Amino acid sequence: MGASFLLILITSVHPNAKKAEIKDLISVPITPQVTLLSFALGFYFGNNKEN
């Protein structure tokens, strides 16, 4: 996940970057990563409520 955000940072400051193509390329790996992270956090904090 950190590599994706590093890629976003590098491409956002690059002056010759094609913004439309970058937007399409970034949305592909970010969407499942956010979903998995949300699921993991929900599962973790849902289990901690019982304790």
Protein backbone atom coordinates (compact mmCIF):
# COMPACT_ATOMS: atom_id res chain seq x y z
CA MET A 1 0.00 0.00 0.00
CA GLY A 2 2.90 2.32 0.75
CA ALA A 3 4.30 1.69 -2.73
CA SER A 4 1.04 2.86 -4.29
CA PHE A 5 1.08 6.09 -2.35
CA LEU A 6 4.74 6.61 -3.23
CA LEU A 7 3.83 6.16 -6.89
CA ILE A 8 1.05 8.72 -6.53
CA LEU A 9 3.41 11.21 -4.92
CA ILE A 10 6.11 10.80 -7.56
CA THR A 11 3.74 11.07 -10.49
CA SER A 12 1.86 14.03 -9.06
CA VAL A 13 5.00 16.19 -8.86
CA HIS A 14 6.43 15.09 -12.22
CA PRO A 15 5.91 18.03 -14.63
CA ASN A 16 5.44 15.91 -17.79
CA ALA A 17 3.00 13.43 -16.29
CA LYS A 18 -0.22 12.75 -18.17
CA LYS A 19 -2.81 13.31 -15.46
CA ALA A 20 -5.68 11.41 -17.12
CA GLU A 21 -3.62 8.25 -17.62
CA ILE A 22 -2.20 8.44 -14.11
CA LYS A 23 -5.69 8.77 -12.65
CA ASP A 24 -6.78 5.59 -14.44
CA LEU A 25 -3.66 3.67 -13.45
CA ILE A 26 -3.84 4.68 -9.79
CA SER A 27 -7.51 3.83 -9.29
CA VAL A 28 -6.90 0.17 -10.19
CA PRO A 29 -4.64 -0.79 -7.23
CA ILE A 30 -6.03 1.71 -4.70
CA THR A 31 -9.64 0.49 -4.75
CA PRO A 32 -8.97 -3.10 -3.58
CA GLN A 33 -6.34 -1.94 -1.10
CA VAL A 34 -8.78 0.43 0.58
CA THR A 35 -11.42 -2.30 0.66
CA LEU A 36 -9.05 -4.82 2.27
CA LEU A 37 -7.76 -2.28 4.78
CA SER A 38 -11.32 -1.30 5.75
CA PHE A 39 -12.28 -4.94 6.19
CA ALA A 40 -9.21 -5.67 8.33
CA LEU A 41 -9.78 -2.65 10.55
CA GLY A 42 -13.47 -3.44 10.93
CA PHE A 43 -12.69 -7.03 11.84
CA TYR A 44 -10.01 -5.97 14.35
CA PHE A 45 -12.08 -3.35 16.12
CA GLY A 46 -15.21 -5.51 15.97
CA ASN A 47 -13.39 -8.27 17.84
CA ASN A 48 -11.96 -5.87 20.43
CA LYS A 49 -15.45 -4.68 21.44
CA GLU A 50 -16.14 -8.05 23.08
CA ASN A 51 -13.10 -7.80 25.38
